[in-house]
Every structure is written in structure tokens, then in C-alpha cells.
PDB file of N, CA and C in Angstrom:
ATOM      1  N   MET A   1       0.822  -1.199   0.000  1.00  0.00           N
ATOM      2  CA  MET A   1       0.000   0.000   0.000  1.00  0.00           C
ATOM      3  C   MET A   1       0.863   1.259   0.000  1.00  0.00           C
ATOM      4  N   SER A   2       2.010   1.191   0.665  1.00  0.00           N
ATOM      5  CA  SER A   2       2.845   2.389   0.763  1.00  0.00           C
ATOM      6  C   SER A   2       3.492   2.744  -0.576  1.00  0.00           C
ATOM      7  N   LYS A   3       3.583   1.799  -1.508  1.00  0.00           N
ATOM      8  CA  LYS A   3       4.157   2.093  -2.820  1.00  0.00           C
ATOM      9  C   LYS A   3       3.074   2.449  -3.829  1.00  0.00           C
ATOM     10  N   ILE A   4       1.875   2.007  -3.583  1.00  0.00           N
ATOM     11  CA  ILE A   4       0.782   2.285  -4.509  1.00  0.00           C
ATOM     12  C   ILE A   4       0.329   3.738  -4.394  1.00  0.00           C
ATOM     13  N   LEU A   5       0.245   4.258  -3.189  1.00  0.00           N
ATOM     14  CA  LEU A   5      -0.260   5.610  -2.965  1.00  0.00           C
ATOM     15  C   LEU A   5       0.568   6.681  -3.678  1.00  0.00           C
ATOM     16  N   PRO A   6       1.891   6.707  -3.559  1.00  0.00           N
ATOM     17  CA  PRO A   6       2.657   7.733  -4.297  1.00  0.00           C
ATOM     18  C   PRO A   6       2.520   7.591  -5.810  1.00  0.00           C
ATOM     19  N   ALA A   7       2.507   6.375  -6.311  1.00  0.00           N
ATOM     20  CA  ALA A   7       2.362   6.173  -7.754  1.00  0.00           C
ATOM     21  C   ALA A   7       0.996   6.672  -8.226  1.00  0.00           C
ATOM     22  N   LEU A   8      -0.041   6.379  -7.474  1.00  0.00           N
ATOM     23  CA  LEU A   8      -1.387   6.827  -7.823  1.00  0.00           C
ATOM     24  C   LEU A   8      -1.484   8.346  -7.801  1.00  0.00           C
ATOM     25  N   LEU A   9      -0.879   8.978  -6.824  1.00  0.00           N
ATOM     26  CA  LEU A   9      -0.930  10.432  -6.727  1.00  0.00           C
ATOM     27  C   LEU A   9      -0.143  11.106  -7.851  1.00  0.00           C
ATOM     28  N   ILE A  10       0.963  10.523  -8.252  1.00  0.00           N
ATOM     29  CA  ILE A  10       1.719  11.077  -9.376  1.00  0.00           C
ATOM     30  C   ILE A  10       0.909  10.965 -10.666  1.00  0.00           C
ATOM     31  N   ILE A  11       0.233   9.842 -10.847  1.00  0.00           N
ATOM     32  CA  ILE A  11      -0.620   9.674 -12.032  1.00  0.00           C
ATOM     33  C   ILE A  11      -1.745  10.707 -12.024  1.00  0.00           C
ATOM     34  N   ILE A  12      -2.354  10.928 -10.859  1.00  0.00           N
ATOM     35  CA  ILE A  12      -3.427  11.919 -10.758  1.00  0.00           C
ATOM     36  C   ILE A  12      -2.902  13.318 -11.073  1.00  0.00           C
ATOM     37  N   MET A  13      -1.695  13.648 -10.597  1.00  0.00           N
ATOM     38  CA  MET A  13      -1.120  14.962 -10.891  1.00  0.00           C
ATOM     39  C   MET A  13      -0.874  15.145 -12.388  1.00  0.00           C
ATOM     40  N   ILE A  14      -0.355  14.110 -13.047  1.00  0.00           N
ATOM     41  CA  ILE A  14      -0.101  14.205 -14.486  1.00  0.00           C
ATOM     42  C   ILE A  14      -1.412  14.358 -15.242  1.00  0.00           C
ATOM     43  N   LEU A  15      -2.424  13.580 -14.867  1.00  0.00           N
ATOM     44  CA  LEU A  15      -3.721  13.695 -15.529  1.00  0.00           C
ATOM     45  C   LEU A  15      -4.336  15.077 -15.317  1.00  0.00           C
ATOM     46  N   HIS A  16      -4.128  15.643 -14.136  1.00  0.00           N
ATOM     47  CA  HIS A  16      -4.697  16.963 -13.836  1.00  0.00           C
ATOM     48  C   HIS A  16      -4.065  18.055 -14.692  1.00  0.00           C
ATOM     49  N   ILE A  17      -2.800  17.896 -15.039  1.00  0.00           N
ATOM     50  CA  ILE A  17      -2.144  18.886 -15.892  1.00  0.00           C
ATOM     51  C   ILE A  17      -2.772  18.879 -17.287  1.00  0.00           C
ATOM     52  N   PHE A  18      -3.085  17.696 -17.807  1.00  0.00           N
ATOM     53  CA  PHE A  18      -3.675  17.605 -19.140  1.00  0.00           C
ATOM     54  C   PHE A  18      -5.158  17.967 -19.151  1.00  0.00           C
ATOM     55  N   ARG A  19      -5.883  17.509 -18.134  1.00  0.00           N
ATOM     56  CA  ARG A  19      -7.320  17.806 -18.058  1.00  0.00           C
ATOM     57  C   ARG A  19      -7.678  18.000 -16.591  1.00  0.00           C
ATOM     58  N   PRO A  20      -7.982  19.229 -16.171  1.00  0.00           N
ATOM     59  CA  PRO A  20      -8.300  19.488 -14.765  1.00  0.00           C
ATOM     60  C   PRO A  20      -9.441  18.603 -14.269  1.00  0.00           C
ATOM     61  N   LEU A  21      -9.336  18.206 -13.003  1.00  0.00           N
ATOM     62  CA  LEU A  21     -10.300  17.268 -12.421  1.00  0.00           C
ATOM     63  C   LEU A  21     -11.672  17.883 -12.208  1.00  0.00           C
ATOM     64  N   GLY A  22     -11.738  19.190 -11.995  1.00  0.00           N
ATOM     65  CA  GLY A  22     -13.019  19.859 -11.817  1.00  0.00           C
ATOM     66  C   GLY A  22     -13.542  19.807 -10.398  1.00  0.00           C
ATOM     67  N   LEU A  23     -12.751  19.310  -9.466  1.00  0.00           N
ATOM     68  CA  LEU A  23     -13.169  19.291  -8.068  1.00  0.00           C
ATOM     69  C   LEU A  23     -13.015  20.691  -7.478  1.00  0.00           C
ATOM     70  N   PRO A  24     -13.759  21.003  -6.416  1.00  0.00           N
ATOM     71  CA  PRO A  24     -13.586  22.320  -5.795  1.00  0.00           C
ATOM     72  C   PRO A  24     -12.125  22.532  -5.364  1.00  0.00           C
ATOM     73  N   GLY A  25     -11.543  23.616  -5.802  1.00  0.00           N
ATOM     74  CA  GLY A  25     -10.152  23.911  -5.497  1.00  0.00           C
ATOM     75  C   GLY A  25      -9.176  23.344  -6.508  1.00  0.00           C
ATOM     76  N   LEU A  26      -9.644  22.522  -7.430  1.00  0.00           N
ATOM     77  CA  LEU A  26      -8.779  21.921  -8.445  1.00  0.00           C
ATOM     78  C   LEU A  26      -9.361  22.147  -9.841  1.00  0.00           C
ATOM     79  N   ARG A  27      -9.772  23.361 -10.118  1.00  0.00           N
ATOM     80  CA  ARG A  27     -10.429  23.640 -11.390  1.00  0.00           C
ATOM     81  C   ARG A  27      -9.462  24.134 -12.469  1.00  0.00           C
ATOM     82  N   ARG A  28      -8.263  24.588 -12.073  1.00  0.00           N
ATOM     83  CA  ARG A  28      -7.283  25.080 -13.051  1.00  0.00           C
ATOM     84  C   ARG A  28      -6.106  24.122 -13.142  1.00  0.00           C
ATOM     85  N   ARG A  29      -5.425  24.154 -14.261  1.00  0.00           N
ATOM     86  CA  ARG A  29      -4.256  23.286 -14.439  1.00  0.00           C
ATOM     87  C   ARG A  29      -3.142  23.635 -13.468  1.00  0.00           C
ATOM     88  N   SER A  30      -3.055  24.888 -13.089  1.00  0.00           N
ATOM     89  CA  SER A  30      -1.977  25.325 -12.207  1.00  0.00           C
ATOM     90  C   SER A  30      -2.205  24.894 -10.760  1.00  0.00           C
ATOM     91  N   ASP A  31      -3.307  24.246 -10.472  1.00  0.00           N
ATOM     92  CA  ASP A  31      -3.589  23.796  -9.105  1.00  0.00           C
ATOM     93  C   ASP A  31      -3.046  22.397  -8.803  1.00  0.00           C
ATOM     94  N   PHE A  32      -2.211  21.851  -9.700  1.00  0.00           N
ATOM     95  CA  PHE A  32      -1.713  20.505  -9.463  1.00  0.00           C
ATOM     96  C   PHE A  32      -0.817  20.441  -8.228  1.00  0.00           C
ATOM     97  N   TRP A  33      -0.240  21.570  -7.809  1.00  0.00           N
ATOM     98  CA  TRP A  33       0.601  21.583  -6.622  1.00  0.00           C
ATOM     99  C   TRP A  33      -0.209  21.264  -5.365  1.00  0.00           C
ATOM    100  N   LYS A  34      -1.503  21.553  -5.383  1.00  0.00           N
ATOM    101  CA  LYS A  34      -2.348  21.240  -4.223  1.00  0.00           C
ATOM    102  C   LYS A  34      -2.443  19.735  -4.023  1.00  0.00           C
ATOM    103  N   ILE A  35      -2.421  18.981  -5.115  1.00  0.00           N
ATOM    104  CA  ILE A  35      -2.432  17.520  -4.998  1.00  0.00           C
ATOM    105  C   ILE A  35      -1.150  17.054  -4.309  1.00  0.00           C
ATOM    106  N   ALA A  36      -0.023  17.681  -4.629  1.00  0.00           N
ATOM    107  CA  ALA A  36       1.242  17.314  -4.003  1.00  0.00           C
ATOM    108  C   ALA A  36       1.222  17.615  -2.505  1.00  0.00           C
ATOM    109  N   VAL A  37       0.648  18.738  -2.117  1.00  0.00           N
ATOM    110  CA  VAL A  37       0.566  19.085  -0.690  1.00  0.00           C
ATOM    111  C   VAL A  37      -0.321  18.084   0.041  1.00  0.00           C
ATOM    112  N   ILE A  38      -1.440  17.727  -0.569  1.00  0.00           N
ATOM    113  CA  ILE A  38      -2.330  16.733   0.035  1.00  0.00           C
ATOM    114  C   ILE A  38      -1.625  15.382   0.136  1.00  0.00           C
ATOM    115  N   ALA A  39      -0.852  15.042  -0.898  1.00  0.00           N
ATOM    116  CA  ALA A  39      -0.124  13.774  -0.900  1.00  0.00           C
ATOM    117  C   ALA A  39       0.908  13.731   0.220  1.00  0.00           C
ATOM    118  N   LEU A  40       1.662  14.807   0.385  1.00  0.00           N
ATOM    119  CA  LEU A  40       2.662  14.835   1.462  1.00  0.00           C
ATOM    120  C   LEU A  40       2.005  14.734   2.829  1.00  0.00           C
ATOM    121  N   GLY A  41       0.903  15.438   3.009  1.00  0.00           N
ATOM    122  CA  GLY A  41       0.184  15.358   4.278  1.00  0.00           C
ATOM    123  C   GLY A  41      -0.362  13.974   4.539  1.00  0.00           C
ATOM    124  N   THR A  42      -0.912  13.341   3.512  1.00  0.00           N
ATOM    125  CA  THR A  42      -1.453  11.994   3.654  1.00  0.00           C
ATOM    126  C   THR A  42      -0.364  10.992   3.997  1.00  0.00           C
ATOM    127  N   MET A  43       0.769  11.077   3.305  1.00  0.00           N
ATOM    128  CA  MET A  43       1.863  10.143   3.584  1.00  0.00           C
ATOM    129  C   MET A  43       2.444  10.367   4.973  1.00  0.00           C
ATOM    130  N   ALA A  44       2.532  11.617   5.421  1.00  0.00           N
ATOM    131  CA  ALA A  44       3.015  11.895   6.771  1.00  0.00           C
ATOM    132  C   ALA A  44       2.052  11.330   7.810  1.00  0.00           C
ATOM    133  N   LEU A  45       0.763  11.462   7.563  1.00  0.00           N
ATOM    134  CA  LEU A  45      -0.238  10.913   8.480  1.00  0.00           C
ATOM    135  C   LEU A  45      -0.151   9.392   8.539  1.00  0.00           C
ATOM    136  N   ILE A  46      -0.006   8.744   7.396  1.00  0.00           N
ATOM    137  CA  ILE A  46       0.095   7.288   7.357  1.00  0.00           C
ATOM    138  C   ILE A  46       1.348   6.823   8.084  1.00  0.00           C
ATOM    139  N   MET A  47       2.470   7.498   7.857  1.00  0.00           N
ATOM    140  CA  MET A  47       3.706   7.120   8.543  1.00  0.00           C
ATOM    141  C   MET A  47       3.596   7.335  10.038  1.00  0.00           C
ATOM    142  N   GLY A  48       2.933   8.406  10.449  1.00  0.00           N
ATOM    143  CA  GLY A  48       2.731   8.655  11.874  1.00  0.00           C
ATOM    144  C   GLY A  48       1.887   7.579  12.524  1.00  0.00           C
ATOM    145  N   ILE A  49       0.871   7.134  11.829  1.00  0.00           N
ATOM    146  CA  ILE A  49       0.015   6.067  12.370  1.00  0.00           C
ATOM    147  C   ILE A  49       0.782   4.754  12.433  1.00  0.00           C
ATOM    148  N   GLN A  50       1.578   4.459  11.405  1.00  0.00           N
ATOM    149  CA  GLN A  50       2.349   3.218  11.400  1.00  0.00           C
ATOM    150  C   GLN A  50       3.426   3.224  12.487  1.00  0.00           C
ATOM    151  N   LEU A  51       4.086   4.350  12.701  1.00  0.00           N
ATOM    152  CA  LEU A  51       5.150   4.408  13.703  1.00  0.00           C
ATOM    153  C   LEU A  51       4.611   4.420  15.121  1.00  0.00           C
ATOM    154  N   ARG A  52       3.364   4.814  15.289  1.00  0.00           N
ATOM    155  CA  ARG A  52       2.764   4.850  16.620  1.00  0.00           C
ATOM    156  C   ARG A  52       2.652   3.433  17.213  1.00  0.00           C
ATOM    157  N   GLY A  53       2.527   2.433  16.372  1.00  0.00           N
ATOM    158  CA  GLY A  53       2.393   1.056  16.826  1.00  0.00           C
ATOM    159  C   GLY A  53       3.691   0.469  17.353  1.00  0.00           C
ATOM    160  N   TYR A  54       4.836   1.088  17.019  1.00  0.00           N
ATOM    161  CA  TYR A  54       6.124   0.587  17.474  1.00  0.00           C
ATOM    162  C   TYR A  54       6.547   1.301  18.746  1.00  0.00           C
ATOM    163  N   PRO A  55       7.134   0.557  19.698  1.00  0.00           N
ATOM    164  CA  PRO A  55       7.565   1.212  20.954  1.00  0.00           C
ATOM    165  C   PRO A  55       8.793   2.075  20.803  1.00  0.00           C
TER     166      PRO A  55
END
């Protein structure tokens, strides 16, 4: 799962550059950086949850 998420997010960013997704906040091609910020936050959250289980 940890390798699928970054690959999926990169694919979504590339697709957004060619054709904007049309979601609120992602209506312009130049908004692809917001996907990267969300991706970094998501991966940090996942890593934090995974590391919490270790002593």
C-alpha cells in the first residue's frame, strides 16, 4: 500500500495537468501543486500512524 499511494498520486497529478479534475479547489491546471501538498500530508499521516504502533 505504501508504494501504490505515491504512484497513484503522481498519475493523478499528471492527468490533472492535461485535463483538470473539476473538483472544488482543483479547477485550473496550475492547481496541481495542491495535490502534491495533500499527498505529502497523507503520507506523513500514514507514517505517523504506522510508527505509533512501534515502541
